[in-house]
Amino acid sequence: TPGIPGRDGLKGEKGECMRESIEESWTPNFKQCSWS
């Protein structure tokens, strides 16, 4: 027969807050002005 479920483990340490950022694809943006 299946055994008795084990007891809960110890509480883990507090983790660091990770903020995921979704970056949009970068479109090149440049300009040139010239004088002869």
Full PDB file with SEQRES, HELIX, SHEET, SSBOND, CRYST1, ORIGX, SCALE, CONECT and MASTER records, all heavy atoms in Angstrom:
SEQRES   1 A   36  THR PRO GLY ILE PRO GLY ARG ASP GLY LEU LYS GLY GLU          
SEQRES   2 A   36  LYS GLY GLU CYS MET ARG GLU SER ILE GLU GLU SER TRP          
SEQRES   3 A   36  THR PRO ASN PHE LYS GLN CYS SER TRP SER                      
CRYST1    1.000    1.000    1.000  90.00  90.00  90.00 P 1           1          
ORIGX1      1.000000  0.000000  0.000000        0.00000                         
ORIGX2      0.000000  1.000000  0.000000        0.00000                         
ORIGX3      0.000000  0.000000  1.000000        0.00000                         
SCALE1      1.000000  0.000000  0.000000        0.00000                         
SCALE2      0.000000  1.000000  0.000000        0.00000                         
SCALE3      0.000000  0.000000  1.000000        0.00000                         
ATOM      1  N   THR A   1       0.839  -1.198   0.000  1.00  0.00           N  
ATOM      2  CA  THR A   1       0.000   0.000   0.000  1.00  0.00           C  
ATOM      3  C   THR A   1       0.876   1.251   0.000  1.00  0.00           C  
ATOM      4  O   THR A   1       2.009   1.215   0.477  1.00  0.00           O  
ATOM      5  CB  THR A   1      -0.910   0.015   1.236  1.00  0.00           C  
ATOM      6  OG1 THR A   1      -0.081  -0.062   2.415  1.00  0.00           O  
ATOM      7  CG2 THR A   1      -1.838  -1.178   1.235  1.00  0.00           C  
ATOM      8  N   PRO A   2       0.370   2.370  -0.555  1.00  0.00           N  
ATOM      9  CA  PRO A   2       1.161   3.613  -0.547  1.00  0.00           C  
ATOM     10  C   PRO A   2       1.507   4.056   0.867  1.00  0.00           C  
ATOM     11  O   PRO A   2       0.740   3.866   1.814  1.00  0.00           O  
ATOM     12  CB  PRO A   2       0.230   4.616  -1.241  1.00  0.00           C  
ATOM     13  CG  PRO A   2      -0.716   3.778  -2.047  1.00  0.00           C  
ATOM     14  CD  PRO A   2      -0.918   2.522  -1.248  1.00  0.00           C  
ATOM     15  N   GLY A   3       2.687   4.638   0.996  1.00  0.00           N  
ATOM     16  CA  GLY A   3       3.131   5.103   2.301  1.00  0.00           C  
ATOM     17  C   GLY A   3       2.446   6.389   2.732  1.00  0.00           C  
ATOM     18  O   GLY A   3       1.695   7.028   1.978  1.00  0.00           O  
ATOM     19  N   ILE A   4       2.713   6.742   3.948  1.00  0.00           N  
ATOM     20  CA  ILE A   4       2.129   7.972   4.501  1.00  0.00           C  
ATOM     21  C   ILE A   4       2.871   9.172   3.919  1.00  0.00           C  
ATOM     22  O   ILE A   4       4.096   9.161   3.835  1.00  0.00           O  
ATOM     23  CB  ILE A   4       2.245   7.965   6.034  1.00  0.00           C  
ATOM     24  CG1 ILE A   4       1.523   6.735   6.607  1.00  0.00           C  
ATOM     25  CG2 ILE A   4       1.691   9.252   6.621  1.00  0.00           C  
ATOM     26  CD1 ILE A   4       1.696   6.567   8.098  1.00  0.00           C  
ATOM     27  N   PRO A   5       2.150  10.208   3.473  1.00  0.00           N  
ATOM     28  CA  PRO A   5       2.844  11.393   2.931  1.00  0.00           C  
ATOM     29  C   PRO A   5       3.792  12.003   3.959  1.00  0.00           C  
ATOM     30  O   PRO A   5       3.508  12.031   5.163  1.00  0.00           O  
ATOM     31  CB  PRO A   5       1.685  12.354   2.593  1.00  0.00           C  
ATOM     32  CG  PRO A   5       0.484  11.469   2.451  1.00  0.00           C  
ATOM     33  CD  PRO A   5       0.684  10.338   3.420  1.00  0.00           C  
ATOM     34  N   GLY A   6       4.949  12.477   3.450  1.00  0.00           N  
ATOM     35  CA  GLY A   6       5.926  13.093   4.339  1.00  0.00           C  
ATOM     36  C   GLY A   6       5.480  14.460   4.832  1.00  0.00           C  
ATOM     37  O   GLY A   6       4.560  15.086   4.275  1.00  0.00           O  
ATOM     38  N   ARG A   7       6.131  14.909   5.860  1.00  0.00           N  
ATOM     39  CA  ARG A   7       5.775  16.206   6.420  1.00  0.00           C  
ATOM     40  C   ARG A   7       6.393  17.335   5.600  1.00  0.00           C  
ATOM     41  O   ARG A   7       7.302  17.114   4.795  1.00  0.00           O  
ATOM     42  CB  ARG A   7       6.265  16.300   7.855  1.00  0.00           C  
ATOM     43  CG  ARG A   7       7.777  16.191   7.993  1.00  0.00           C  
ATOM     44  CD  ARG A   7       8.195  16.270   9.436  1.00  0.00           C  
ATOM     45  NE  ARG A   7       9.648  16.218   9.568  1.00  0.00           N  
ATOM     46  CZ  ARG A   7      10.286  16.273  10.731  1.00  0.00           C  
ATOM     47  NH1 ARG A   7       9.596  16.382  11.848  1.00  0.00           N  
ATOM     48  NH2 ARG A   7      11.600  16.206  10.781  1.00  0.00           N  
ATOM     49  N   ASP A   8       5.882  18.516   5.783  1.00  0.00           N  
ATOM     50  CA  ASP A   8       6.374  19.681   5.049  1.00  0.00           C  
ATOM     51  C   ASP A   8       7.812  19.994   5.460  1.00  0.00           C  
ATOM     52  O   ASP A   8       8.198  19.835   6.616  1.00  0.00           O  
ATOM     53  CB  ASP A   8       5.491  20.904   5.319  1.00  0.00           C  
ATOM     54  CG  ASP A   8       4.071  20.695   4.800  1.00  0.00           C  
ATOM     55  OD1 ASP A   8       3.907  19.836   3.915  1.00  0.00           O  
ATOM     56  OD2 ASP A   8       3.144  21.378   5.275  1.00  0.00           O  
ATOM     57  N   GLY A   9       8.587  20.459   4.464  1.00  0.00           N  
ATOM     58  CA  GLY A   9       9.970  20.816   4.727  1.00  0.00           C  
ATOM     59  C   GLY A   9      10.087  22.183   5.389  1.00  0.00           C  
ATOM     60  O   GLY A   9       9.086  22.882   5.632  1.00  0.00           O  
ATOM     61  N   LEU A  10      11.322  22.543   5.700  1.00  0.00           N  
ATOM     62  CA  LEU A  10      11.575  23.822   6.333  1.00  0.00           C  
ATOM     63  C   LEU A  10      11.330  24.968   5.359  1.00  0.00           C  
ATOM     64  O   LEU A  10      11.465  24.816   4.140  1.00  0.00           O  
ATOM     65  CB  LEU A  10      13.021  23.876   6.840  1.00  0.00           C  
ATOM     66  CG  LEU A  10      13.409  22.799   7.871  1.00  0.00           C  
ATOM     67  CD1 LEU A  10      14.882  22.929   8.221  1.00  0.00           C  
ATOM     68  CD2 LEU A  10      12.538  22.927   9.125  1.00  0.00           C  
ATOM     69  N   LYS A  11      10.978  26.099   5.894  1.00  0.00           N  
ATOM     70  CA  LYS A  11      10.699  27.267   5.064  1.00  0.00           C  
ATOM     71  C   LYS A  11      12.002  27.779   4.458  1.00  0.00           C  
ATOM     72  O   LYS A  11      13.003  27.928   5.141  1.00  0.00           O  
ATOM     73  CB  LYS A  11      10.038  28.360   5.911  1.00  0.00           C  
ATOM     74  CG  LYS A  11       9.583  29.560   5.106  1.00  0.00           C  
ATOM     75  CD  LYS A  11       8.864  30.564   5.987  1.00  0.00           C  
ATOM     76  CE  LYS A  11       8.397  31.771   5.175  1.00  0.00           C  
ATOM     77  NZ  LYS A  11       7.689  32.765   6.027  1.00  0.00           N  
ATOM     78  N   GLY A  12      11.972  28.038   3.164  1.00  0.00           N  
ATOM     79  CA  GLY A  12      13.157  28.509   2.481  1.00  0.00           C  
ATOM     80  C   GLY A  12      13.433  29.982   2.720  1.00  0.00           C  
ATOM     81  O   GLY A  12      12.589  30.725   3.252  1.00  0.00           O  
ATOM     82  N   GLU A  13      14.627  30.393   2.331  1.00  0.00           N  
ATOM     83  CA  GLU A  13      15.007  31.795   2.478  1.00  0.00           C  
ATOM     84  C   GLU A  13      14.290  32.670   1.459  1.00  0.00           C  
ATOM     85  O   GLU A  13      13.877  32.199   0.394  1.00  0.00           O  
ATOM     86  CB  GLU A  13      16.518  31.939   2.312  1.00  0.00           C  
ATOM     87  CG  GLU A  13      17.328  31.165   3.344  1.00  0.00           C  
ATOM     88  CD  GLU A  13      18.813  31.333   3.130  1.00  0.00           C  
ATOM     89  OE1 GLU A  13      19.176  32.012   2.136  1.00  0.00           O  
ATOM     90  OE2 GLU A  13      19.601  30.800   3.923  1.00  0.00           O  
ATOM     91  N   LYS A  14      14.160  33.918   1.803  1.00  0.00           N  
ATOM     92  CA  LYS A  14      13.482  34.857   0.921  1.00  0.00           C  
ATOM     93  C   LYS A  14      14.345  35.109  -0.306  1.00  0.00           C  
ATOM     94  O   LYS A  14      15.520  35.406  -0.212  1.00  0.00           O  
ATOM     95  CB  LYS A  14      13.216  36.179   1.653  1.00  0.00           C  
ATOM     96  CG  LYS A  14      12.411  37.173   0.843  1.00  0.00           C  
ATOM     97  CD  LYS A  14      12.128  38.428   1.640  1.00  0.00           C  
ATOM     98  CE  LYS A  14      11.317  39.428   0.822  1.00  0.00           C  
ATOM     99  NZ  LYS A  14      11.032  40.675   1.588  1.00  0.00           N  
ATOM    100  N   GLY A  15      13.724  34.972  -1.481  1.00  0.00           N  
ATOM    101  CA  GLY A  15      14.454  35.164  -2.719  1.00  0.00           C  
ATOM    102  C   GLY A  15      14.492  36.618  -3.158  1.00  0.00           C  
ATOM    103  O   GLY A  15      13.796  37.477  -2.609  1.00  0.00           O  
ATOM    104  N   GLU A  16      15.341  36.881  -4.129  1.00  0.00           N  
ATOM    105  CA  GLU A  16      15.458  38.226  -4.660  1.00  0.00           C  
ATOM    106  C   GLU A  16      14.376  38.470  -5.701  1.00  0.00           C  
ATOM    107  O   GLU A  16      13.965  37.565  -6.428  1.00  0.00           O  
ATOM    108  CB  GLU A  16      16.834  38.416  -5.308  1.00  0.00           C  
ATOM    109  CG  GLU A  16      17.993  38.267  -4.325  1.00  0.00           C  
ATOM    110  CD  GLU A  16      19.328  38.461  -5.007  1.00  0.00           C  
ATOM    111  OE1 GLU A  16      19.306  38.666  -6.247  1.00  0.00           O  
ATOM    112  OE2 GLU A  16      20.355  38.396  -4.320  1.00  0.00           O  
ATOM    113  N   CYS A  17      13.925  39.683  -5.743  1.00  0.00           N  
ATOM    114  CA  CYS A  17      12.879  40.054  -6.687  1.00  0.00           C  
ATOM    115  C   CYS A  17      13.509  40.274  -8.057  1.00  0.00           C  
ATOM    116  O   CYS A  17      14.393  41.126  -8.223  1.00  0.00           O  
ATOM    117  CB  CYS A  17      12.164  41.320  -6.212  1.00  0.00           C  
ATOM    118  SG  CYS A  17      10.836  41.849  -7.311  1.00  0.00           S  
ATOM    119  N   MET A  18      13.090  39.497  -9.002  1.00  0.00           N  
ATOM    120  CA  MET A  18      13.603  39.606 -10.359  1.00  0.00           C  
ATOM    121  C   MET A  18      12.513  40.187 -11.246  1.00  0.00           C  
ATOM    122  O   MET A  18      11.390  39.681 -11.286  1.00  0.00           O  
ATOM    123  CB  MET A  18      14.017  38.226 -10.891  1.00  0.00           C  
ATOM    124  CG  MET A  18      15.086  37.539 -10.047  1.00  0.00           C  
ATOM    125  SD  MET A  18      16.651  38.425 -10.063  1.00  0.00           S  
ATOM    126  CE  MET A  18      17.107  38.199 -11.763  1.00  0.00           C  
ATOM    127  N   ARG A  19      12.859  41.253 -11.909  1.00  0.00           N  
ATOM    128  CA  ARG A  19      11.901  41.921 -12.780  1.00  0.00           C  
ATOM    129  C   ARG A  19      12.283  41.624 -14.222  1.00  0.00           C  
ATOM    130  O   ARG A  19      13.360  41.980 -14.693  1.00  0.00           O  
ATOM    131  CB  ARG A  19      11.928  43.423 -12.532  1.00  0.00           C  
ATOM    132  CG  ARG A  19      10.934  44.203 -13.390  1.00  0.00           C  
ATOM    133  CD  ARG A  19      10.963  45.671 -13.036  1.00  0.00           C  
ATOM    134  NE  ARG A  19      10.584  45.867 -11.639  1.00  0.00           N  
ATOM    135  CZ  ARG A  19      10.629  47.063 -11.037  1.00  0.00           C  
ATOM    136  NH1 ARG A  19      11.036  48.129 -11.709  1.00  0.00           N  
ATOM    137  NH2 ARG A  19      10.274  47.169  -9.766  1.00  0.00           N  
ATOM    138  N   GLU A  20      11.381  40.944 -14.876  1.00  0.00           N  
ATOM    139  CA  GLU A  20      11.626  40.604 -16.263  1.00  0.00           C  
ATOM    140  C   GLU A  20      11.211  41.762 -17.158  1.00  0.00           C  
ATOM    141  O   GLU A  20      10.128  42.333 -16.997  1.00  0.00           O  
ATOM    142  CB  GLU A  20      10.850  39.348 -16.656  1.00  0.00           C  
ATOM    143  CG  GLU A  20      11.283  38.104 -15.886  1.00  0.00           C  
ATOM    144  CD  GLU A  20      10.523  36.885 -16.346  1.00  0.00           C  
ATOM    145  OE1 GLU A  20       9.669  37.061 -17.241  1.00  0.00           O  
ATOM    146  OE2 GLU A  20      10.782  35.803 -15.809  1.00  0.00           O  
ATOM    147  N   SER A  21      12.064  42.089 -18.046  1.00  0.00           N  
ATOM    148  CA  SER A  21      11.777  43.173 -18.975  1.00  0.00           C  
ATOM    149  C   SER A  21      11.741  42.612 -20.385  1.00  0.00           C  
ATOM    150  O   SER A  21      12.639  41.884 -20.798  1.00  0.00           O  
ATOM    151  CB  SER A  21      12.843  44.272 -18.878  1.00  0.00           C  
ATOM    152  OG  SER A  21      14.115  43.743 -19.180  1.00  0.00           O  
ATOM    153  N   ILE A  22      10.672  42.924 -21.056  1.00  0.00           N  
ATOM    154  CA  ILE A  22      10.506  42.480 -22.429  1.00  0.00           C  
ATOM    155  C   ILE A  22      10.922  43.627 -23.335  1.00  0.00           C  
ATOM    156  O   ILE A  22      10.257  44.666 -23.404  1.00  0.00           O  
ATOM    157  CB  ILE A  22       9.052  42.061 -22.705  1.00  0.00           C  
ATOM    158  CG1 ILE A  22       8.632  40.935 -21.741  1.00  0.00           C  
ATOM    159  CG2 ILE A  22       8.883  41.632 -24.157  1.00  0.00           C  
ATOM    160  CD1 ILE A  22       7.186  40.550 -21.876  1.00  0.00           C  
ATOM    161  N   GLU A  23      12.040  43.436 -23.988  1.00  0.00           N  
ATOM    162  CA  GLU A  23      12.573  44.486 -24.844  1.00  0.00           C  
ATOM    163  C   GLU A  23      12.058  44.306 -26.265  1.00  0.00           C  
ATOM    164  O   GLU A  23      12.026  43.195 -26.798  1.00  0.00           O  
ATOM    165  CB  GLU A  23      14.097  44.460 -24.841  1.00  0.00           C  
ATOM    166  CG  GLU A  23      14.718  44.736 -23.481  1.00  0.00           C  
ATOM    167  CD  GLU A  23      16.227  44.754 -23.561  1.00  0.00           C  
ATOM    168  OE1 GLU A  23      16.741  44.493 -24.674  1.00  0.00           O  
ATOM    169  OE2 GLU A  23      16.865  45.016 -22.529  1.00  0.00           O  
ATOM    170  N   GLU A  24      11.659  45.422 -26.832  1.00  0.00           N  
ATOM    171  CA  GLU A  24      11.229  45.405 -28.214  1.00  0.00           C  
ATOM    172  C   GLU A  24      12.452  45.318 -29.129  1.00  0.00           C  
ATOM    173  O   GLU A  24      13.555  45.685 -28.755  1.00  0.00           O  
ATOM    174  CB  GLU A  24      10.422  46.666 -28.519  1.00  0.00           C  
ATOM    175  CG  GLU A  24       9.159  46.796 -27.664  1.00  0.00           C  
ATOM    176  CD  GLU A  24       8.420  48.084 -27.968  1.00  0.00           C  
ATOM    177  OE1 GLU A  24       8.906  48.841 -28.841  1.00  0.00           O  
ATOM    178  OE2 GLU A  24       7.382  48.314 -27.342  1.00  0.00           O  
ATOM    179  N   SER A  25      12.229  44.811 -30.287  1.00  0.00           N  
ATOM    180  CA  SER A  25      13.324  44.763 -31.253  1.00  0.00           C  
ATOM    181  C   SER A  25      13.750  46.188 -31.614  1.00  0.00           C  
ATOM    182  O   SER A  25      12.908  47.060 -31.837  1.00  0.00           O  
ATOM    183  CB  SER A  25      12.873  43.993 -32.500  1.00  0.00           C  
ATOM    184  OG  SER A  25      11.746  44.625 -33.082  1.00  0.00           O  
ATOM    185  N   TRP A  26      15.077  46.399 -31.630  1.00  0.00           N  
ATOM    186  CA  TRP A  26      15.605  47.746 -31.857  1.00  0.00           C  
ATOM    187  C   TRP A  26      15.679  48.033 -33.351  1.00  0.00           C  
ATOM    188  O   TRP A  26      16.229  47.252 -34.129  1.00  0.00           O  
ATOM    189  CB  TRP A  26      16.988  47.874 -31.236  1.00  0.00           C  
ATOM    190  CG  TRP A  26      17.543  49.259 -31.369  1.00  0.00           C  
ATOM    191  CD1 TRP A  26      18.408  49.705 -32.320  1.00  0.00           C  
ATOM    192  CD2 TRP A  26      17.245  50.372 -30.538  1.00  0.00           C  
ATOM    193  NE1 TRP A  26      18.674  51.030 -32.136  1.00  0.00           N  
ATOM    194  CE2 TRP A  26      17.970  51.470 -31.054  1.00  0.00           C  
ATOM    195  CE3 TRP A  26      16.435  50.550 -29.430  1.00  0.00           C  
ATOM    196  CZ2 TRP A  26      17.923  52.736 -30.479  1.00  0.00           C  
ATOM    197  CZ3 TRP A  26      16.378  51.803 -28.856  1.00  0.00           C  
ATOM    198  CH2 TRP A  26      17.122  52.890 -29.363  1.00  0.00           C  
ATOM    199  N   THR A  27      15.101  49.175 -33.718  1.00  0.00           N  
ATOM    200  CA  THR A  27      15.144  49.633 -35.108  1.00  0.00           C  
ATOM    201  C   THR A  27      16.177  50.742 -35.226  1.00  0.00           C  
ATOM    202  O   THR A  27      16.102  51.728 -34.475  1.00  0.00           O  
ATOM    203  CB  THR A  27      13.771  50.148 -35.556  1.00  0.00           C  
ATOM    204  OG1 THR A  27      12.806  49.106 -35.395  1.00  0.00           O  
ATOM    205  CG2 THR A  27      13.811  50.584 -37.015  1.00  0.00           C  
ATOM    206  N   PRO A  28      17.145  50.620 -36.099  1.00  0.00           N  
ATOM    207  CA  PRO A  28      18.151  51.686 -36.240  1.00  0.00           C  
ATOM    208  C   PRO A  28      17.499  53.033 -36.575  1.00  0.00           C  
ATOM    209  O   PRO A  28      16.554  53.107 -37.367  1.00  0.00           O  
ATOM    210  CB  PRO A  28      19.032  51.189 -37.388  1.00  0.00           C  
ATOM    211  CG  PRO A  28      18.832  49.713 -37.411  1.00  0.00           C  
ATOM    212  CD  PRO A  28      17.435  49.468 -36.993  1.00  0.00           C  
ATOM    213  N   ASN A  29      18.029  54.082 -35.944  1.00  0.00           N  
ATOM    214  CA  ASN A  29      17.502  55.439 -36.140  1.00  0.00           C  
ATOM    215  C   ASN A  29      18.689  56.395 -36.214  1.00  0.00           C  
ATOM    216  O   ASN A  29      19.360  56.632 -35.201  1.00  0.00           O  
ATOM    217  CB  ASN A  29      16.557  55.815 -35.004  1.00  0.00           C  
ATOM    218  CG  ASN A  29      15.907  57.165 -35.220  1.00  0.00           C  
ATOM    219  OD1 ASN A  29      15.863  57.673 -36.346  1.00  0.00           O  
ATOM    220  ND2 ASN A  29      15.407  57.761 -34.147  1.00  0.00           N  
ATOM    221  N   PHE A  30      18.976  56.904 -37.364  1.00  0.00           N  
ATOM    222  CA  PHE A  30      20.122  57.816 -37.546  1.00  0.00           C  
ATOM    223  C   PHE A  30      19.791  58.812 -38.667  1.00  0.00           C  
ATOM    224  O   PHE A  30      18.857  58.614 -39.468  1.00  0.00           O  
ATOM    225  CB  PHE A  30      21.402  57.039 -37.873  1.00  0.00           C  
ATOM    226  CG  PHE A  30      21.304  56.218 -39.131  1.00  0.00           C  
ATOM    227  CD1 PHE A  30      21.656  56.781 -40.354  1.00  0.00           C  
ATOM    228  CD2 PHE A  30      20.880  54.905 -39.099  1.00  0.00           C  
ATOM    229  CE1 PHE A  30      21.576  56.050 -41.523  1.00  0.00           C  
ATOM    230  CE2 PHE A  30      20.798  54.170 -40.268  1.00  0.00           C  
ATOM    231  CZ  PHE A  30      21.152  54.732 -41.486  1.00  0.00           C  
ATOM    232  N   LYS A  31      20.650  59.884 -38.709  1.00  0.00           N  
ATOM    233  CA  LYS A  31      20.466  60.942 -39.715  1.00  0.00           C  
ATOM    234  C   LYS A  31      21.798  61.631 -39.967  1.00  0.00           C  
ATOM    235  O   LYS A  31      22.623  61.748 -39.051  1.00  0.00           O  
ATOM    236  CB  LYS A  31      19.436  61.953 -39.238  1.00  0.00           C  
ATOM    237  CG  LYS A  31      19.098  63.032 -40.265  1.00  0.00           C  
ATOM    238  CD  LYS A  31      18.046  63.984 -39.738  1.00  0.00           C  
ATOM    239  CE  LYS A  31      17.709  65.067 -40.766  1.00  0.00           C  
ATOM    240  NZ  LYS A  31      16.683  66.001 -40.253  1.00  0.00           N  
ATOM    241  N   GLN A  32      21.967  62.110 -41.192  1.00  0.00           N  
ATOM    242  CA  GLN A  32      23.183  62.844 -41.567  1.00  0.00           C  
ATOM    243  C   GLN A  32      22.802  64.140 -42.315  1.00  0.00           C  
ATOM    244  O   GLN A  32      21.986  64.112 -43.218  1.00  0.00           O  
ATOM    245  CB  GLN A  32      24.091  61.988 -42.455  1.00  0.00           C  
ATOM    246  CG  GLN A  32      25.293  62.735 -42.992  1.00  0.00           C  
ATOM    247  CD  GLN A  32      26.193  61.870 -43.838  1.00  0.00           C  
ATOM    248  OE1 GLN A  32      27.246  61.476 -43.380  1.00  0.00           O  
ATOM    249  NE2 GLN A  32      25.791  61.575 -45.070  1.00  0.00           N  
ATOM    250  N   CYS A  33      23.437  65.239 -41.879  1.00  0.00           N  
ATOM    251  CA  CYS A  33      23.310  66.522 -42.573  1.00  0.00           C  
ATOM    252  C   CYS A  33      24.704  66.922 -43.056  1.00  0.00           C  
ATOM    253  O   CYS A  33      25.660  66.893 -42.266  1.00  0.00           O  
ATOM    254  CB  CYS A  33      22.748  67.600 -41.649  1.00  0.00           C  
ATOM    255  SG  CYS A  33      21.076  67.233 -41.022  1.00  0.00           S  
ATOM    256  N   SER A  34      24.838  67.322 -44.318  1.00  0.00           N  
ATOM    257  CA  SER A  34      26.158  67.635 -44.890  1.00  0.00           C  
ATOM    258  C   SER A  34      26.087  68.917 -45.729  1.00  0.00           C  
ATOM    259  O   SER A  34      25.036  69.287 -46.256  1.00  0.00           O  
ATOM    260  CB  SER A  34      26.658  66.456 -45.727  1.00  0.00           C  
ATOM    261  OG  SER A  34      25.749  66.169 -46.778  1.00  0.00           O  
ATOM    262  N   TRP A  35      27.305  69.581 -45.851  1.00  0.00           N  
ATOM    263  CA  TRP A  35      27.452  70.819 -46.617  1.00  0.00           C  
ATOM    264  C   TRP A  35      28.729  70.713 -47.457  1.00  0.00           C  
ATOM    265  O   TRP A  35      29.762  70.283 -46.971  1.00  0.00           O  
ATOM    266  CB  TRP A  35      27.540  72.006 -45.682  1.00  0.00           C  
ATOM    267  CG  TRP A  35      26.295  72.143 -44.808  1.00  0.00           C  
ATOM    268  CD1 TRP A  35      25.218  72.892 -45.070  1.00  0.00           C  
ATOM    269  CD2 TRP A  35      26.084  71.514 -43.541  1.00  0.00           C  
ATOM    270  NE1 TRP A  35      24.285  72.773 -44.054  1.00  0.00           N  
ATOM    271  CE2 TRP A  35      24.805  71.922 -43.087  1.00  0.00           C  
ATOM    272  CE3 TRP A  35      26.825  70.617 -42.730  1.00  0.00           C  
ATOM    273  CZ2 TRP A  35      24.250  71.496 -41.888  1.00  0.00           C  
ATOM    274  CZ3 TRP A  35      26.274  70.205 -41.549  1.00  0.00           C  
ATOM    275  CH2 TRP A  35      24.990  70.633 -41.124  1.00  0.00           C  
ATOM    276  N   SER A  36      28.603  71.099 -48.688  1.00  0.00           N  
ATOM    277  CA  SER A  36      29.761  70.966 -49.592  1.00  0.00           C  
ATOM    278  C   SER A  36      30.862  71.976 -49.275  1.00  0.00           C  
ATOM    279  O   SER A  36      32.047  71.630 -49.311  1.00  0.00           O  
ATOM    280  CB  SER A  36      29.316  71.126 -51.061  1.00  0.00           C  
ATOM    281  OG  SER A  36      28.718  72.403 -51.257  1.00  0.00           O  
TER     282      SER A  36                                                      
MASTER        0    0    0    0    0    0    0    6  281    1    0    3          
END                                                                             
